[in-house]
């Protein structure tokens, strides 16, 4: 079976419909939290932990990318309380990352983007069940 044409793949990520938003936020969460598996620990890390190696600027970039997920949540019509909780997760992640030298360790454990993805998925599954993906 051949892969879908590039235009079809790109169009599945474009738009404001809930299915496209779900694909974008899942892709962003994977980029930020799950690009590589750490040998021996068998734990995934992503760009968020790698950016922590860049003092202050890396944390700001990671927080901006995490805030983009909250922006997508706003586009879905999520409640202000849900978005405040998500911004809180991004803020905690940012503050933990500011700790010199060891800031990547709490970031490795806290995973704000994964937490935010779960909040968004719960909303999507409740309000837009047609976007649900069955893994198996």
N, C-alpha and C. Protein backbone atom coordinates (compact mmCIF):
# COMPACT_ATOMS: atom_id res chain seq x y z
N UNK A 1 0.85 -1.17 0.00
CA UNK A 1 0.00 0.00 0.00
C UNK A 1 0.89 1.23 0.00
N UNK A 2 0.63 2.17 -0.87
CA UNK A 2 1.46 3.37 -0.96
C UNK A 2 1.01 4.42 0.04
N UNK A 3 1.95 5.28 0.49
CA UNK A 3 1.59 6.34 1.44
C UNK A 3 0.67 7.36 0.78
N UNK A 4 -0.10 8.09 1.59
CA UNK A 4 -0.98 9.11 1.01
C UNK A 4 -0.16 10.22 0.38
N UNK A 5 -0.73 10.89 -0.63
CA UNK A 5 0.00 12.01 -1.25
C UNK A 5 0.29 13.08 -0.21
N UNK A 6 1.39 13.78 -0.41
CA UNK A 6 1.82 14.81 0.54
C UNK A 6 0.73 15.84 0.77
N UNK A 7 0.02 16.23 -0.26
CA UNK A 7 -1.05 17.22 -0.12
C UNK A 7 -2.15 16.74 0.81
N UNK A 8 -2.50 15.44 0.72
CA UNK A 8 -3.53 14.88 1.59
C UNK A 8 -3.04 14.85 3.03
N UNK A 9 -1.77 14.52 3.22
CA UNK A 9 -1.21 14.49 4.57
C UNK A 9 -1.19 15.88 5.17
N UNK A 10 -0.75 16.86 4.40
CA UNK A 10 -0.70 18.24 4.90
C UNK A 10 -2.09 18.77 5.20
N UNK A 11 -3.07 18.43 4.37
CA UNK A 11 -4.41 18.96 4.60
C UNK A 11 -5.06 18.32 5.82
N UNK A 12 -4.61 17.12 6.21
CA UNK A 12 -5.19 16.50 7.41
C UNK A 12 -4.72 17.22 8.68
N UNK A 13 -3.64 17.98 8.60
CA UNK A 13 -3.13 18.74 9.74
C UNK A 13 -3.57 20.20 9.70
N UNK A 14 -4.13 20.64 8.60
CA UNK A 14 -4.53 22.03 8.45
C UNK A 14 -5.99 22.21 8.86
N UNK A 15 -6.33 23.39 9.24
CA UNK A 15 -7.72 23.71 9.55
C UNK A 15 -7.99 23.79 11.04
N UNK A 16 -9.21 24.21 11.33
CA UNK A 16 -9.61 24.40 12.73
C UNK A 16 -10.54 23.30 13.21
N UNK A 17 -10.82 22.33 12.35
CA UNK A 17 -11.72 21.27 12.79
C UNK A 17 -11.03 20.45 13.88
N UNK A 18 -11.80 19.89 14.79
CA UNK A 18 -11.23 19.17 15.94
C UNK A 18 -10.27 18.04 15.57
N UNK A 19 -10.54 17.33 14.47
CA UNK A 19 -9.65 16.23 14.08
C UNK A 19 -8.27 16.77 13.69
N UNK A 20 -8.22 17.88 12.97
CA UNK A 20 -6.94 18.47 12.57
C UNK A 20 -6.20 19.01 13.79
N UNK A 21 -6.95 19.64 14.71
CA UNK A 21 -6.33 20.15 15.94
C UNK A 21 -5.73 19.00 16.74
N UNK A 22 -6.47 17.90 16.84
CA UNK A 22 -5.98 16.73 17.58
C UNK A 22 -4.66 16.24 16.99
N UNK A 23 -4.59 16.15 15.67
CA UNK A 23 -3.36 15.67 15.02
C UNK A 23 -2.20 16.62 15.30
N UNK A 24 -2.47 17.93 15.23
CA UNK A 24 -1.39 18.91 15.46
C UNK A 24 -0.87 18.85 16.89
N UNK A 25 -1.78 18.78 17.87
CA UNK A 25 -1.31 18.78 19.25
C UNK A 25 -0.63 17.47 19.61
N UNK A 26 -1.08 16.37 19.03
CA UNK A 26 -0.40 15.09 19.26
C UNK A 26 1.00 15.12 18.66
N UNK A 27 1.14 15.73 17.48
CA UNK A 27 2.46 15.85 16.84
C UNK A 27 3.37 16.76 17.67
N UNK A 28 2.83 17.87 18.19
CA UNK A 28 3.63 18.78 19.01
C UNK A 28 4.07 18.11 20.30
N UNK A 29 3.16 17.39 20.95
CA UNK A 29 3.51 16.69 22.19
C UNK A 29 4.60 15.66 21.93
N UNK A 30 4.51 14.95 20.81
CA UNK A 30 5.54 13.97 20.46
C UNK A 30 6.89 14.67 20.25
N UNK A 31 6.87 15.79 19.56
CA UNK A 31 8.10 16.56 19.33
C UNK A 31 8.72 17.02 20.65
N UNK A 32 7.89 17.52 21.55
CA UNK A 32 8.39 18.07 22.80
C UNK A 32 8.72 17.02 23.86
N UNK A 33 8.06 15.89 23.84
CA UNK A 33 8.22 14.93 24.93
C UNK A 33 8.67 13.53 24.51
N UNK A 34 8.64 13.17 23.23
CA UNK A 34 8.87 11.77 22.91
C UNK A 34 9.69 11.47 21.68
N UNK A 35 10.69 12.27 21.36
CA UNK A 35 11.48 12.02 20.16
C UNK A 35 12.43 10.83 20.28
N UNK A 36 13.08 10.70 21.41
CA UNK A 36 14.12 9.68 21.60
C UNK A 36 13.84 8.89 22.86
N UNK A 37 14.30 7.66 22.87
CA UNK A 37 14.24 6.84 24.08
C UNK A 37 15.62 6.82 24.70
N UNK A 38 15.71 7.14 25.99
CA UNK A 38 16.98 7.13 26.70
C UNK A 38 17.35 5.68 27.00
N UNK A 39 18.52 5.23 26.51
CA UNK A 39 18.93 3.86 26.78
C UNK A 39 19.06 3.62 28.29
N UNK A 40 18.85 2.41 28.69
CA UNK A 40 18.91 1.94 30.08
C UNK A 40 17.71 2.41 30.91
N UNK A 41 17.29 3.66 30.74
CA UNK A 41 16.12 4.16 31.47
C UNK A 41 14.82 3.78 30.78
N UNK A 42 14.92 3.51 29.47
CA UNK A 42 13.76 3.20 28.65
C UNK A 42 12.67 4.26 28.81
N UNK A 43 13.09 5.51 28.80
CA UNK A 43 12.19 6.65 28.98
C UNK A 43 12.38 7.61 27.81
N UNK A 44 11.30 8.13 27.29
CA UNK A 44 11.38 9.03 26.14
C UNK A 44 11.68 10.47 26.57
N UNK A 45 12.44 11.16 25.74
CA UNK A 45 12.67 12.59 25.91
C UNK A 45 12.44 13.26 24.57
N UNK A 46 12.23 14.55 24.63
CA UNK A 46 12.01 15.30 23.40
C UNK A 46 12.70 16.64 23.44
N UNK A 47 12.26 17.49 22.57
CA UNK A 47 12.87 18.80 22.41
C UNK A 47 12.80 19.64 23.68
N UNK A 48 11.77 19.45 24.49
CA UNK A 48 11.62 20.23 25.72
C UNK A 48 12.82 20.02 26.65
N UNK A 49 13.24 18.79 26.84
CA UNK A 49 14.39 18.51 27.71
C UNK A 49 15.68 18.99 27.05
N UNK A 50 15.79 18.81 25.73
CA UNK A 50 16.99 19.23 25.01
C UNK A 50 17.14 20.75 25.07
N UNK A 51 16.03 21.48 24.94
CA UNK A 51 16.09 22.94 25.01
C UNK A 51 16.53 23.43 26.38
N UNK A 52 16.32 22.63 27.42
CA UNK A 52 16.75 23.03 28.76
C UNK A 52 18.27 23.18 28.85
N UNK A 53 18.98 22.62 27.92
CA UNK A 53 20.43 22.74 27.92
C UNK A 53 20.88 24.13 27.48
N UNK A 54 19.98 24.89 26.86
CA UNK A 54 20.26 26.28 26.47
C UNK A 54 19.76 27.18 27.59
N UNK A 55 20.65 27.88 28.29
CA UNK A 55 20.23 28.70 29.43
C UNK A 55 19.17 29.74 29.06
N UNK A 56 18.14 29.83 29.85
CA UNK A 56 17.01 30.77 29.78
C UNK A 56 16.29 30.76 28.42
N UNK A 57 17.00 31.00 27.34
CA UNK A 57 16.37 31.03 26.02
C UNK A 57 15.71 29.72 25.64
N UNK A 58 16.34 28.61 25.99
CA UNK A 58 15.76 27.31 25.68
C UNK A 58 14.47 27.08 26.44
N UNK A 59 14.45 27.51 27.69
CA UNK A 59 13.23 27.38 28.49
C UNK A 59 12.10 28.24 27.92
N UNK A 60 12.46 29.43 27.46
CA UNK A 60 11.45 30.32 26.88
C UNK A 60 10.89 29.73 25.59
N UNK A 61 11.73 29.14 24.77
CA UNK A 61 11.26 28.52 23.53
C UNK A 61 10.34 27.34 23.85
N UNK A 62 10.75 26.51 24.81
CA UNK A 62 9.92 25.37 25.22
C UNK A 62 8.58 25.82 25.77
N UNK A 63 8.58 26.90 26.57
CA UNK A 63 7.33 27.43 27.12
C UNK A 63 6.44 27.99 26.02
N UNK A 64 7.04 28.65 25.02
CA UNK A 64 6.26 29.18 23.90
C UNK A 64 5.61 28.05 23.11
N UNK A 65 6.35 26.97 22.92
CA UNK A 65 5.79 25.83 22.19
C UNK A 65 4.67 25.16 23.00
N UNK A 66 4.85 25.10 24.31
CA UNK A 66 3.80 24.57 25.18
C UNK A 66 2.57 25.47 25.20
N UNK A 67 2.80 26.79 25.17
CA UNK A 67 1.69 27.74 25.15
C UNK A 67 0.90 27.64 23.85
N UNK A 68 1.56 27.24 22.77
CA UNK A 68 0.87 27.05 21.49
C UNK A 68 -0.20 25.97 21.64
N UNK A 69 0.10 24.93 22.42
CA UNK A 69 -0.90 23.89 22.65
C UNK A 69 -2.13 24.46 23.37
N UNK A 70 -1.89 25.38 24.28
CA UNK A 70 -3.01 26.02 24.99
C UNK A 70 -3.81 26.89 24.01
N UNK A 71 -3.12 27.54 23.09
CA UNK A 71 -3.81 28.33 22.06
C UNK A 71 -4.72 27.43 21.23
N UNK A 72 -4.24 26.26 20.89
CA UNK A 72 -5.07 25.30 20.15
C UNK A 72 -6.28 24.90 21.00
N UNK A 73 -6.09 24.75 22.30
CA UNK A 73 -7.21 24.42 23.20
C UNK A 73 -8.25 25.52 23.17
N UNK A 74 -7.79 26.76 23.12
CA UNK A 74 -8.70 27.91 23.03
C UNK A 74 -9.51 27.83 21.75
N UNK A 75 -8.86 27.44 20.66
CA UNK A 75 -9.57 27.30 19.38
C UNK A 75 -10.63 26.21 19.42
N UNK A 76 -10.47 25.26 20.33
CA UNK A 76 -11.47 24.19 20.48
C UNK A 76 -12.63 24.61 21.36
N UNK A 77 -12.52 25.78 21.99
CA UNK A 77 -13.58 26.26 22.87
C UNK A 77 -13.51 25.68 24.26
N UNK A 78 -12.32 25.29 24.69
CA UNK A 78 -12.18 24.74 26.04
C UNK A 78 -12.40 25.84 27.07
N UNK A 79 -12.76 25.43 28.27
CA UNK A 79 -13.09 26.40 29.32
C UNK A 79 -11.86 27.15 29.79
N UNK A 80 -12.11 28.31 30.38
CA UNK A 80 -11.02 29.12 30.92
C UNK A 80 -10.31 28.38 32.05
N UNK A 81 -11.05 27.61 32.82
CA UNK A 81 -10.45 26.83 33.90
C UNK A 81 -9.48 25.78 33.35
N UNK A 82 -9.88 25.09 32.30
CA UNK A 82 -9.00 24.10 31.68
C UNK A 82 -7.74 24.77 31.12
N UNK A 83 -7.93 25.90 30.46
CA UNK A 83 -6.79 26.61 29.89
C UNK A 83 -5.88 27.16 31.00
N UNK A 84 -6.45 27.63 32.10
CA UNK A 84 -5.64 28.12 33.22
C UNK A 84 -4.80 26.98 33.79
N UNK A 85 -5.41 25.81 33.91
CA UNK A 85 -4.66 24.65 34.39
C UNK A 85 -3.51 24.31 33.44
N UNK A 86 -3.79 24.38 32.14
CA UNK A 86 -2.75 24.09 31.16
C UNK A 86 -1.64 25.14 31.21
N UNK A 87 -2.00 26.42 31.31
CA UNK A 87 -0.98 27.47 31.45
C UNK A 87 -0.18 27.27 32.74
N UNK A 88 -0.84 26.81 33.79
CA UNK A 88 -0.13 26.50 35.03
C UNK A 88 0.90 25.41 34.82
N UNK A 89 0.55 24.38 34.07
CA UNK A 89 1.51 23.31 33.76
C UNK A 89 2.71 23.86 32.99
N UNK A 90 2.44 24.72 32.00
CA UNK A 90 3.52 25.32 31.21
C UNK A 90 4.39 26.20 32.10
N UNK A 91 3.76 26.97 33.00
CA UNK A 91 4.51 27.85 33.90
C UNK A 91 5.39 27.08 34.86
N UNK A 92 4.86 26.00 35.44
CA UNK A 92 5.66 25.17 36.35
C UNK A 92 6.85 24.59 35.60
N UNK A 93 6.60 24.10 34.39
CA UNK A 93 7.67 23.53 33.57
C UNK A 93 8.75 24.59 33.29
N UNK A 94 8.31 25.80 32.96
CA UNK A 94 9.25 26.89 32.69
C UNK A 94 10.09 27.22 33.92
N UNK A 95 9.43 27.35 35.07
CA UNK A 95 10.15 27.70 36.30
C UNK A 95 11.12 26.59 36.73
N UNK A 96 10.71 25.34 36.59
CA UNK A 96 11.61 24.24 36.93
C UNK A 96 12.82 24.23 36.01
N UNK A 97 12.60 24.56 34.74
CA UNK A 97 13.70 24.59 33.78
C UNK A 97 14.71 25.69 34.03
N UNK A 98 14.32 26.73 34.78
CA UNK A 98 15.24 27.84 35.06
C UNK A 98 16.29 27.49 36.11
N UNK A 99 16.09 26.38 36.82
CA UNK A 99 17.07 25.98 37.84
C UNK A 99 18.38 25.64 37.12
N UNK A 100 19.48 26.33 37.45
CA UNK A 100 20.74 26.08 36.76
C UNK A 100 21.21 24.62 36.91
N UNK A 101 21.78 24.13 35.85
CA UNK A 101 22.41 22.81 35.75
C UNK A 101 21.40 21.65 35.85
N UNK A 102 20.61 21.59 36.89
CA UNK A 102 19.73 20.44 37.10
C UNK A 102 18.31 20.68 36.60
N UNK A 103 18.06 21.76 35.91
CA UNK A 103 16.71 22.10 35.46
C UNK A 103 16.09 21.09 34.52
N UNK A 104 16.91 20.35 33.78
CA UNK A 104 16.38 19.35 32.85
C UNK A 104 15.81 18.14 33.58
N UNK A 105 16.29 17.86 34.78
CA UNK A 105 15.82 16.68 35.52
C UNK A 105 14.34 16.80 35.90
N UNK A 106 13.91 17.90 36.55
CA UNK A 106 12.48 18.00 36.83
C UNK A 106 11.63 18.04 35.55
N UNK A 107 12.17 18.67 34.50
CA UNK A 107 11.47 18.74 33.24
C UNK A 107 11.28 17.33 32.66
N UNK A 108 12.28 16.50 32.83
CA UNK A 108 12.25 15.11 32.38
C UNK A 108 11.15 14.35 33.10
N UNK A 109 10.87 14.72 34.34
CA UNK A 109 9.87 14.02 35.15
C UNK A 109 8.48 14.65 35.09
N UNK A 110 8.38 15.97 34.97
CA UNK A 110 7.09 16.66 35.06
C UNK A 110 6.24 16.52 33.80
N UNK A 111 6.80 16.69 32.62
CA UNK A 111 6.13 16.50 31.33
C UNK A 111 4.82 17.30 31.20
N UNK A 112 4.94 18.60 31.23
CA UNK A 112 3.75 19.46 31.15
C UNK A 112 2.98 19.27 29.85
N UNK A 113 3.67 19.05 28.76
CA UNK A 113 2.99 18.92 27.48
C UNK A 113 2.16 17.64 27.40
N UNK A 114 2.65 16.57 28.01
CA UNK A 114 1.88 15.33 28.06
C UNK A 114 0.65 15.52 28.94
N UNK A 115 0.81 16.23 30.05
CA UNK A 115 -0.34 16.53 30.92
C UNK A 115 -1.38 17.35 30.16
N UNK A 116 -0.91 18.34 29.41
CA UNK A 116 -1.83 19.20 28.66
C UNK A 116 -2.51 18.43 27.53
N UNK A 117 -1.78 17.53 26.89
CA UNK A 117 -2.39 16.71 25.85
C UNK A 117 -3.52 15.86 26.42
N UNK A 118 -3.33 15.32 27.62
CA UNK A 118 -4.39 14.52 28.26
C UNK A 118 -5.64 15.37 28.52
N UNK A 119 -5.44 16.61 28.97
CA UNK A 119 -6.57 17.51 29.21
C UNK A 119 -7.32 17.77 27.91
N UNK A 120 -6.58 18.05 26.84
CA UNK A 120 -7.21 18.33 25.55
C UNK A 120 -7.92 17.09 25.01
N UNK A 121 -7.29 15.93 25.15
CA UNK A 121 -7.91 14.70 24.64
C UNK A 121 -9.22 14.39 25.38
N UNK A 122 -9.23 14.62 26.70
CA UNK A 122 -10.47 14.41 27.46
C UNK A 122 -11.58 15.30 26.91
N UNK A 123 -11.23 16.56 26.65
CA UNK A 123 -12.21 17.50 26.09
C UNK A 123 -12.68 17.01 24.72
N UNK A 124 -11.75 16.64 23.85
CA UNK A 124 -12.11 16.18 22.51
C UNK A 124 -12.96 14.92 22.56
N UNK A 125 -12.59 13.97 23.41
CA UNK A 125 -13.34 12.72 23.51
C UNK A 125 -14.77 12.97 23.99
N UNK A 126 -14.94 13.97 24.85
CA UNK A 126 -16.28 14.28 25.37
C UNK A 126 -17.11 15.09 24.38
N UNK A 127 -16.50 16.12 23.78
CA UNK A 127 -17.25 17.05 22.94
C UNK A 127 -17.15 16.76 21.45
N UNK A 128 -16.15 16.02 21.04
CA UNK A 128 -15.95 15.69 19.62
C UNK A 128 -15.52 14.22 19.51
N UNK A 129 -16.41 13.29 19.86
CA UNK A 129 -16.02 11.87 19.91
C UNK A 129 -15.58 11.30 18.56
N UNK A 130 -15.97 11.93 17.48
CA UNK A 130 -15.58 11.42 16.15
C UNK A 130 -14.08 11.57 15.91
N UNK A 131 -13.39 12.39 16.73
CA UNK A 131 -11.94 12.57 16.55
C UNK A 131 -11.13 11.52 17.29
N UNK A 132 -11.79 10.71 18.12
CA UNK A 132 -11.08 9.71 18.92
C UNK A 132 -10.38 8.71 18.02
N UNK A 133 -9.20 8.30 18.47
CA UNK A 133 -8.41 7.31 17.75
C UNK A 133 -8.30 6.09 18.64
N UNK A 134 -8.62 4.94 18.08
CA UNK A 134 -8.51 3.70 18.84
C UNK A 134 -7.15 3.07 18.56
N UNK A 135 -6.34 2.97 19.61
CA UNK A 135 -5.02 2.34 19.47
C UNK A 135 -5.15 0.87 19.77
N UNK A 136 -4.44 0.06 19.03
CA UNK A 136 -4.53 -1.35 19.33
C UNK A 136 -3.78 -2.15 18.42
